C-alpha cells in the first residue's frame, strides 16, 4: 500500500511539473510503393512534409 501511494504521488508531481507542449504526429499509410516494391502511384509523404513545415512554422512564430 505504501509503495502504491508513493508511486501515485510521484506521478502526480511529475505530471504537474512538466509543461504542455505541441507535438506533431503523422502516419503514412502509402509511401509510393507496396511491400513487394511495386509502385502504388500514391505518396502521402509529400503531404505530411507540408503539414510538418506548417507545424514548425507555427511553433517558431508562437515562441517570438
PDB file of N, CA and C in Angstrom:
ATOM      1  N   UNK A   1       0.830  -1.186   0.000  1.00  0.00           N
ATOM      2  CA  UNK A   1       0.000   0.000   0.000  1.00  0.00           C
ATOM      3  C   UNK A   1       0.877   1.252   0.000  1.00  0.00           C
ATOM      4  N   UNK A   2       1.912   1.260   0.778  1.00  0.00           N
ATOM      5  CA  UNK A   2       2.799   2.420   0.857  1.00  0.00           C
ATOM      6  C   UNK A   2       3.484   2.673  -0.487  1.00  0.00           C
ATOM      7  N   UNK A   3       3.908   1.584  -1.129  1.00  0.00           N
ATOM      8  CA  UNK A   3       4.570   1.707  -2.432  1.00  0.00           C
ATOM      9  C   UNK A   3       3.629   2.324  -3.465  1.00  0.00           C
ATOM     10  N   UNK A   4       2.383   1.883  -3.503  1.00  0.00           N
ATOM     11  CA  UNK A   4       1.416   2.415  -4.448  1.00  0.00           C
ATOM     12  C   UNK A   4       1.147   3.893  -4.196  1.00  0.00           C
ATOM     13  N   UNK A   5       1.071   4.264  -2.918  1.00  0.00           N
ATOM     14  CA  UNK A   5       0.839   5.663  -2.555  1.00  0.00           C
ATOM     15  C   UNK A   5       2.004   6.545  -3.004  1.00  0.00           C
ATOM     16  N   UNK A   6       3.218   6.078  -2.781  1.00  0.00           N
ATOM     17  CA  UNK A   6       4.395   6.834  -3.219  1.00  0.00           C
ATOM     18  C   UNK A   6       4.449   6.935  -4.739  1.00  0.00           C
ATOM     19  N   UNK A   7       4.131   5.845  -5.415  1.00  0.00           N
ATOM     20  CA  UNK A   7       4.129   5.851  -6.880  1.00  0.00           C
ATOM     21  C   UNK A   7       3.107   6.854  -7.401  1.00  0.00           C
ATOM     22  N   UNK A   8       1.924   6.860  -6.827  1.00  0.00           N
ATOM     23  CA  UNK A   8       0.885   7.794  -7.242  1.00  0.00           C
ATOM     24  C   UNK A   8       1.314   9.241  -7.001  1.00  0.00           C
ATOM     25  N   UNK A   9       1.907   9.504  -5.854  1.00  0.00           N
ATOM     26  CA  UNK A   9       2.375  10.858  -5.555  1.00  0.00           C
ATOM     27  C   UNK A   9       3.493  11.271  -6.510  1.00  0.00           C
ATOM     28  N   UNK A  10       4.370  10.343  -6.845  1.00  0.00           N
ATOM     29  CA  UNK A  10       5.462  10.638  -7.773  1.00  0.00           C
ATOM     30  C   UNK A  10       4.919  11.021  -9.143  1.00  0.00           C
ATOM     31  N   UNK A  11       3.990  10.223  -9.674  1.00  0.00           N
ATOM     32  CA  UNK A  11       3.447  10.508 -10.999  1.00  0.00           C
ATOM     33  C   UNK A  11       2.635  11.801 -11.007  1.00  0.00           C
ATOM     34  N   UNK A  12       1.921  12.091  -9.946  1.00  0.00           N
ATOM     35  CA  UNK A  12       1.173  13.335  -9.856  1.00  0.00           C
ATOM     36  C   UNK A  12       2.124  14.525  -9.851  1.00  0.00           C
ATOM     37  N   UNK A  13       3.201  14.437  -9.077  1.00  0.00           N
ATOM     38  CA  UNK A  13       4.189  15.520  -9.041  1.00  0.00           C
ATOM     39  C   UNK A  13       4.868  15.683 -10.395  1.00  0.00           C
ATOM     40  N   UNK A  14       5.162  14.581 -11.049  1.00  0.00           N
ATOM     41  CA  UNK A  14       5.811  14.632 -12.355  1.00  0.00           C
ATOM     42  C   UNK A  14       4.899  15.269 -13.393  1.00  0.00           C
ATOM     43  N   UNK A  15       3.623  14.922 -13.379  1.00  0.00           N
ATOM     44  CA  UNK A  15       2.671  15.481 -14.339  1.00  0.00           C
ATOM     45  C   UNK A  15       2.489  16.982 -14.143  1.00  0.00           C
ATOM     46  N   UNK A  16       2.474  17.449 -12.922  1.00  0.00           N
ATOM     47  CA  UNK A  16       2.281  18.878 -12.673  1.00  0.00           C
ATOM     48  C   UNK A  16       3.556  19.666 -12.949  1.00  0.00           C
ATOM     49  N   UNK A  17       4.711  19.029 -12.906  1.00  0.00           N
ATOM     50  CA  UNK A  17       5.980  19.722 -13.145  1.00  0.00           C
ATOM     51  C   UNK A  17       6.271  19.890 -14.632  1.00  0.00           C
ATOM     52  N   UNK A  18       5.737  19.025 -15.467  1.00  0.00           N
ATOM     53  CA  UNK A  18       6.013  19.097 -16.896  1.00  0.00           C
ATOM     54  C   UNK A  18       5.051  20.059 -17.593  1.00  0.00           C
ATOM     55  N   UNK A  19       5.611  20.900 -18.441  1.00  0.00           N
ATOM     56  CA  UNK A  19       4.791  21.810 -19.227  1.00  0.00           C
ATOM     57  C   UNK A  19       4.173  21.066 -20.405  1.00  0.00           C
ATOM     58  N   UNK A  20       3.004  21.534 -20.818  1.00  0.00           N
ATOM     59  CA  UNK A  20       2.408  21.012 -22.041  1.00  0.00           C
ATOM     60  C   UNK A  20       3.169  21.582 -23.230  1.00  0.00           C
ATOM     61  N   UNK A  21       3.277  20.817 -24.263  1.00  0.00           N
ATOM     62  CA  UNK A  21       3.948  21.285 -25.466  1.00  0.00           C
ATOM     63  C   UNK A  21       3.338  20.588 -26.666  1.00  0.00           C
ATOM     64  N   UNK A  22       3.337  21.269 -27.807  1.00  0.00           N
ATOM     65  CA  UNK A  22       2.740  20.669 -29.001  1.00  0.00           C
ATOM     66  C   UNK A  22       3.637  19.582 -29.585  1.00  0.00           C
ATOM     67  N   UNK A  23       3.016  18.586 -30.157  1.00  0.00           N
ATOM     68  CA  UNK A  23       3.754  17.535 -30.852  1.00  0.00           C
ATOM     69  C   UNK A  23       3.144  17.344 -32.233  1.00  0.00           C
ATOM     70  N   UNK A  24       3.942  16.840 -33.145  1.00  0.00           N
ATOM     71  CA  UNK A  24       3.460  16.531 -34.490  1.00  0.00           C
ATOM     72  C   UNK A  24       3.469  15.019 -34.637  1.00  0.00           C
ATOM     73  N   UNK A  25       2.362  14.483 -35.108  1.00  0.00           N
ATOM     74  CA  UNK A  25       2.282  13.055 -35.321  1.00  0.00           C
ATOM     75  C   UNK A  25       1.570  12.796 -36.644  1.00  0.00           C
ATOM     76  N   UNK A  26       2.129  11.915 -37.434  1.00  0.00           N
ATOM     77  CA  UNK A  26       1.507  11.568 -38.710  1.00  0.00           C
ATOM     78  C   UNK A  26       1.781  10.104 -39.012  1.00  0.00           C
ATOM     79  N   UNK A  27       0.864   9.505 -39.715  1.00  0.00           N
ATOM     80  CA  UNK A  27       1.026   8.121 -40.155  1.00  0.00           C
ATOM     81  C   UNK A  27       0.861   8.095 -41.665  1.00  0.00           C
ATOM     82  N   UNK A  28       1.885   7.634 -42.348  1.00  0.00           N
ATOM     83  CA  UNK A  28       1.816   7.481 -43.802  1.00  0.00           C
ATOM     84  C   UNK A  28       1.425   6.043 -44.099  1.00  0.00           C
ATOM     85  N   UNK A  29       0.241   5.874 -44.628  1.00  0.00           N
ATOM     86  CA  UNK A  29      -0.216   4.528 -44.973  1.00  0.00           C
ATOM     87  C   UNK A  29       0.242   4.108 -46.362  1.00  0.00           C
ATOM     88  N   UNK A  30       0.570   5.091 -47.197  1.00  0.00           N
ATOM     89  CA  UNK A  30       1.037   4.791 -48.544  1.00  0.00           C
ATOM     90  C   UNK A  30       2.231   5.687 -48.839  1.00  0.00           C
ATOM     91  N   UNK A  31       3.392   5.094 -49.070  1.00  0.00           N
ATOM     92  CA  UNK A  31       4.608   5.870 -49.301  1.00  0.00           C
ATOM     93  C   UNK A  31       5.120   5.750 -50.728  1.00  0.00           C
ATOM     94  N   UNK A  32       4.275   5.305 -51.630  1.00  0.00           N
ATOM     95  CA  UNK A  32       4.648   5.264 -53.034  1.00  0.00           C
ATOM     96  C   UNK A  32       4.913   3.878 -53.578  1.00  0.00           C
ATOM     97  N   UNK A  33       5.060   2.915 -52.701  1.00  0.00           N
ATOM     98  CA  UNK A  33       5.242   1.539 -53.161  1.00  0.00           C
ATOM     99  C   UNK A  33       4.747   0.578 -52.094  1.00  0.00           C
ATOM    100  N   UNK A  34       4.421  -0.640 -52.505  1.00  0.00           N
ATOM    101  CA  UNK A  34       3.899  -1.628 -51.557  1.00  0.00           C
ATOM    102  C   UNK A  34       5.038  -2.471 -50.988  1.00  0.00           C
ATOM    103  N   UNK A  35       4.680  -3.469 -50.214  1.00  0.00           N
ATOM    104  CA  UNK A  35       5.675  -4.300 -49.533  1.00  0.00           C
ATOM    105  C   UNK A  35       6.552  -5.091 -50.496  1.00  0.00           C
ATOM    106  N   UNK A  36       6.061  -5.311 -51.698  1.00  0.00           N
ATOM    107  CA  UNK A  36       6.858  -6.058 -52.683  1.00  0.00           C
ATOM    108  C   UNK A  36       7.698  -5.140 -53.566  1.00  0.00           C
ATOM    109  N   UNK A  37       7.564  -3.826 -53.365  1.00  0.00           N
ATOM    110  CA  UNK A  37       8.343  -2.875 -54.140  1.00  0.00           C
ATOM    111  C   UNK A  37       7.647  -2.336 -55.368  1.00  0.00           C
ATOM    112  N   UNK A  38       6.408  -2.729 -55.576  1.00  0.00           N
ATOM    113  CA  UNK A  38       5.658  -2.237 -56.734  1.00  0.00           C
ATOM    114  C   UNK A  38       5.146  -0.820 -56.481  1.00  0.00           C
ATOM    115  N   UNK A  39       5.190   0.006 -57.504  1.00  0.00           N
ATOM    116  CA  UNK A  39       4.730   1.387 -57.430  1.00  0.00           C
ATOM    117  C   UNK A  39       3.221   1.429 -57.210  1.00  0.00           C
ATOM    118  N   UNK A  40       2.781   2.288 -56.263  1.00  0.00           N
ATOM    119  CA  UNK A  40       1.350   2.434 -55.991  1.00  0.00           C
ATOM    120  C   UNK A  40       0.784   3.711 -56.584  1.00  0.00           C
ATOM    121  N   UNK A  41       1.635   4.539 -57.147  1.00  0.00           N
ATOM    122  CA  UNK A  41       1.222   5.825 -57.728  1.00  0.00           C
ATOM    123  C   UNK A  41       0.555   6.743 -56.715  1.00  0.00           C
ATOM    124  N   UNK A  42       0.882   6.578 -55.459  1.00  0.00           N
ATOM    125  CA  UNK A  42       0.374   7.435 -54.398  1.00  0.00           C
ATOM    126  C   UNK A  42       1.476   7.576 -53.355  1.00  0.00           C
ATOM    127  N   UNK A  43       1.651   8.798 -52.844  1.00  0.00           N
ATOM    128  CA  UNK A  43       2.684   9.019 -51.838  1.00  0.00           C
ATOM    129  C   UNK A  43       2.202  10.087 -50.865  1.00  0.00           C
ATOM    130  N   UNK A  44       1.913   9.676 -49.657  1.00  0.00           N
ATOM    131  CA  UNK A  44       1.420  10.601 -48.643  1.00  0.00           C
ATOM    132  C   UNK A  44       2.546  11.380 -47.962  1.00  0.00           C
ATOM    133  N   UNK A  45       3.786  11.021 -48.210  1.00  0.00           N
ATOM    134  CA  UNK A  45       4.900  11.682 -47.538  1.00  0.00           C
ATOM    135  C   UNK A  45       5.007  13.155 -47.917  1.00  0.00           C
ATOM    136  N   UNK A  46       4.690  13.503 -49.147  1.00  0.00           N
ATOM    137  CA  UNK A  46       4.749  14.904 -49.564  1.00  0.00           C
ATOM    138  C   UNK A  46       3.754  15.746 -48.770  1.00  0.00           C
ATOM    139  N   UNK A  47       2.543  15.246 -48.619  1.00  0.00           N
ATOM    140  CA  UNK A  47       1.525  15.968 -47.848  1.00  0.00           C
ATOM    141  C   UNK A  47       1.931  16.071 -46.375  1.00  0.00           C
ATOM    142  N   UNK A  48       2.486  15.011 -45.838  1.00  0.00           N
ATOM    143  CA  UNK A  48       2.949  15.042 -44.448  1.00  0.00           C
ATOM    144  C   UNK A  48       4.069  16.062 -44.292  1.00  0.00           C
ATOM    145  N   UNK A  49       4.956  16.132 -45.267  1.00  0.00           N
ATOM    146  CA  UNK A  49       6.035  17.119 -45.223  1.00  0.00           C
ATOM    147  C   UNK A  49       5.516  18.546 -45.197  1.00  0.00           C
ATOM    148  N   UNK A  50       4.482  18.820 -45.972  1.00  0.00           N
ATOM    149  CA  UNK A  50       3.869  20.149 -45.993  1.00  0.00           C
ATOM    150  C   UNK A  50       3.262  20.473 -44.629  1.00  0.00           C
ATOM    151  N   UNK A  51       2.542  19.509 -44.056  1.00  0.00           N
ATOM    152  CA  UNK A  51       1.927  19.719 -42.744  1.00  0.00           C
ATOM    153  C   UNK A  51       2.984  19.890 -41.649  1.00  0.00           C
ATOM    154  N   UNK A  52       4.081  19.157 -41.753  1.00  0.00           N
ATOM    155  CA  UNK A  52       5.170  19.305 -40.787  1.00  0.00           C
ATOM    156  C   UNK A  52       5.791  20.690 -40.888  1.00  0.00           C
ATOM    157  N   UNK A  53       5.980  21.186 -42.088  1.00  0.00           N
ATOM    158  CA  UNK A  53       6.529  22.529 -42.274  1.00  0.00           C
ATOM    159  C   UNK A  53       5.609  23.583 -41.657  1.00  0.00           C
ATOM    160  N   UNK A  54       4.290  23.425 -41.836  1.00  0.00           N
ATOM    161  CA  UNK A  54       3.329  24.344 -41.221  1.00  0.00           C
ATOM    162  C   UNK A  54       3.429  24.284 -39.698  1.00  0.00           C
ATOM    163  N   UNK A  55       3.556  23.083 -39.169  1.00  0.00           N
ATOM    164  CA  UNK A  55       3.652  22.889 -37.722  1.00  0.00           C
ATOM    165  C   UNK A  55       4.894  23.588 -37.177  1.00  0.00           C
ATOM    166  N   UNK A  56       6.026  23.402 -37.838  1.00  0.00           N
ATOM    167  CA  UNK A  56       7.275  24.009 -37.392  1.00  0.00           C
ATOM    168  C   UNK A  56       7.191  25.531 -37.475  1.00  0.00           C
ATOM    169  N   UNK A  57       6.613  26.048 -38.540  1.00  0.00           N
ATOM    170  CA  UNK A  57       6.449  27.496 -38.687  1.00  0.00           C
ATOM    171  C   UNK A  57       5.584  28.048 -37.566  1.00  0.00           C
ATOM    172  N   UNK A  58       4.508  27.352 -37.254  1.00  0.00           N
ATOM    173  CA  UNK A  58       3.623  27.769 -36.178  1.00  0.00           C
ATOM    174  C   UNK A  58       4.340  27.778 -34.839  1.00  0.00           C
ATOM    175  N   UNK A  59       5.154  26.768 -34.579  1.00  0.00           N
ATOM    176  CA  UNK A  59       5.920  26.705 -33.329  1.00  0.00           C
ATOM    177  C   UNK A  59       6.892  27.880 -33.261  1.00  0.00           C
ATOM    178  N   UNK A  60       7.621  28.114 -34.339  1.00  0.00           N
ATOM    179  CA  UNK A  60       8.589  29.207 -34.359  1.00  0.00           C
ATOM    180  C   UNK A  60       7.927  30.555 -34.201  1.00  0.00           C
ATOM    181  N   UNK A  61       6.765  30.763 -34.795  1.00  0.00           N
ATOM    182  CA  UNK A  61       6.065  32.039 -34.677  1.00  0.00           C
ATOM    183  C   UNK A  61       5.484  32.247 -33.287  1.00  0.00           C
ATOM    184  N   UNK A  62       5.081  31.179 -32.618  1.00  0.00           N
ATOM    185  CA  UNK A  62       4.481  31.323 -31.290  1.00  0.00           C
ATOM    186  C   UNK A  62       5.538  31.547 -30.211  1.00  0.00           C
ATOM    187  N   UNK A  63       6.795  31.242 -30.477  1.00  0.00           N
ATOM    188  CA  UNK A  63       7.862  31.432 -29.493  1.00  0.00           C
ATOM    189  C   UNK A  63       8.379  32.865 -29.477  1.00  0.00           C
ATOM    190  N   UNK A  64       8.030  33.644 -30.474  1.00  0.00           N
ATOM    191  CA  UNK A  64       8.540  35.022 -30.564  1.00  0.00           C
ATOM    192  C   UNK A  64       7.720  35.977 -29.759  1.00  0.00           C
TER     193      UNK A  64
END
